Amino acid sequence: MPWLTIESAPDGVAVMTKIDDEHGVRNEQVLVRKGRLWWHEDGSMYVYYTPTHGRPK
């Protein structure tokens, strides 16, 4: 499955995410978008960054 820009990720659905920019690929993990925040799949806490890419889990 190809990586898509994060703007296409649906709200409330777990997706595989990553940051992919001029510093390389990092922070690959499953997250759930709720509004402007990205949460761990179990809802325990949100992450302090916004992923750049996502794809279905």
C-alpha atoms as a PDB file:
ATOM      1  CA  MET A   1       0.000   0.000   0.000  1.00  0.00           C
ATOM      2  CA  PRO A   2       1.521   3.369  -0.960  1.00  0.00           C
ATOM      3  CA  TRP A   3       2.069   6.170   1.548  1.00  0.00           C
ATOM      4  CA  LEU A   4      -0.322   9.134   1.197  1.00  0.00           C
ATOM      5  CA  THR A   5      -0.052  12.659   2.543  1.00  0.00           C
ATOM      6  CA  ILE A   6      -1.386  12.868   6.070  1.00  0.00           C
ATOM      7  CA  GLU A   7      -4.226  15.216   5.096  1.00  0.00           C
ATOM      8  CA  SER A   8      -5.988  12.222   3.514  1.00  0.00           C
ATOM      9  CA  ALA A   9      -6.063  10.248   6.792  1.00  0.00           C
ATOM     10  CA  PRO A  10      -9.597   9.790   8.160  1.00  0.00           C
ATOM     11  CA  ASP A  11     -10.521  11.041  11.624  1.00  0.00           C
ATOM     12  CA  GLY A  12     -10.936   8.353  14.292  1.00  0.00           C
ATOM     13  CA  VAL A  13      -9.383   5.504  12.282  1.00  0.00           C
ATOM     14  CA  ALA A  14      -6.073   3.811  13.162  1.00  0.00           C
ATOM     15  CA  VAL A  15      -3.498   4.267  10.384  1.00  0.00           C
ATOM     16  CA  MET A  16       0.195   3.528   9.995  1.00  0.00           C
ATOM     17  CA  THR A  17       2.025   6.876  10.098  1.00  0.00           C
ATOM     18  CA  LYS A  18       5.528   8.225   9.655  1.00  0.00           C
ATOM     19  CA  ILE A  19       7.523  11.400   9.330  1.00  0.00           C
ATOM     20  CA  ASP A  20       9.405  11.536   6.019  1.00  0.00           C
ATOM     21  CA  ASP A  21      11.230  14.807   5.373  1.00  0.00           C
ATOM     22  CA  GLU A  22      14.692  16.227   4.663  1.00  0.00           C
ATOM     23  CA  HIS A  23      15.955  14.562   7.881  1.00  0.00           C
ATOM     24  CA  GLY A  24      14.875  11.091   6.746  1.00  0.00           C
ATOM     25  CA  VAL A  25      12.169   8.617   7.721  1.00  0.00           C
ATOM     26  CA  ARG A  26      11.331   8.238  11.401  1.00  0.00           C
ATOM     27  CA  ASN A  27       8.532   7.741  13.965  1.00  0.00           C
ATOM     28  CA  GLU A  28       6.778   4.931  12.084  1.00  0.00           C
ATOM     29  CA  GLN A  29       3.847   3.801  14.230  1.00  0.00           C
ATOM     30  CA  VAL A  30       0.098   3.254  14.294  1.00  0.00           C
ATOM     31  CA  LEU A  31      -1.770   6.403  15.379  1.00  0.00           C
ATOM     32  CA  VAL A  32      -5.350   7.677  15.396  1.00  0.00           C
ATOM     33  CA  ARG A  33      -6.205  11.263  14.400  1.00  0.00           C
ATOM     34  CA  LYS A  34      -8.777  13.020  16.570  1.00  0.00           C
ATOM     35  CA  GLY A  35      -9.162  16.551  15.259  1.00  0.00           C
ATOM     36  CA  ARG A  36      -5.704  18.102  15.129  1.00  0.00           C
ATOM     37  CA  LEU A  37      -4.068  15.666  17.573  1.00  0.00           C
ATOM     38  CA  TRP A  38      -2.592  12.237  16.884  1.00  0.00           C
ATOM     39  CA  TRP A  39      -3.136   9.590  19.578  1.00  0.00           C
ATOM     40  CA  HIS A  40      -1.679   6.153  20.284  1.00  0.00           C
ATOM     41  CA  GLU A  41      -4.057   3.433  19.138  1.00  0.00           C
ATOM     42  CA  ASP A  42      -5.141   2.632  22.716  1.00  0.00           C
ATOM     43  CA  GLY A  43      -5.931   6.312  23.389  1.00  0.00           C
ATOM     44  CA  SER A  44      -3.466   6.476  26.276  1.00  0.00           C
ATOM     45  CA  MET A  45      -1.711   9.643  25.097  1.00  0.00           C
ATOM     46  CA  TYR A  46      -1.125  11.866  22.095  1.00  0.00           C
ATOM     47  CA  VAL A  47       2.170  12.444  20.310  1.00  0.00           C
ATOM     48  CA  TYR A  48       3.929  15.824  20.201  1.00  0.00           C
ATOM     49  CA  TYR A  49       4.311  15.914  16.419  1.00  0.00           C
ATOM     50  CA  THR A  50       2.219  15.703  13.280  1.00  0.00           C
ATOM     51  CA  PRO A  51       3.047  12.845  10.903  1.00  0.00           C
ATOM     52  CA  THR A  52       3.684  13.705   7.250  1.00  0.00           C
ATOM     53  CA  HIS A  53       2.400  10.463   5.694  1.00  0.00           C
ATOM     54  CA  GLY A  54      -0.087   7.693   6.432  1.00  0.00           C
ATOM     55  CA  ARG A  55      -1.562   4.520   4.984  1.00  0.00           C
ATOM     56  CA  PRO A  56      -4.175   1.992   6.052  1.00  0.00           C
ATOM     57  CA  LYS A  57      -3.046  -0.245   8.906  1.00  0.00           C
END
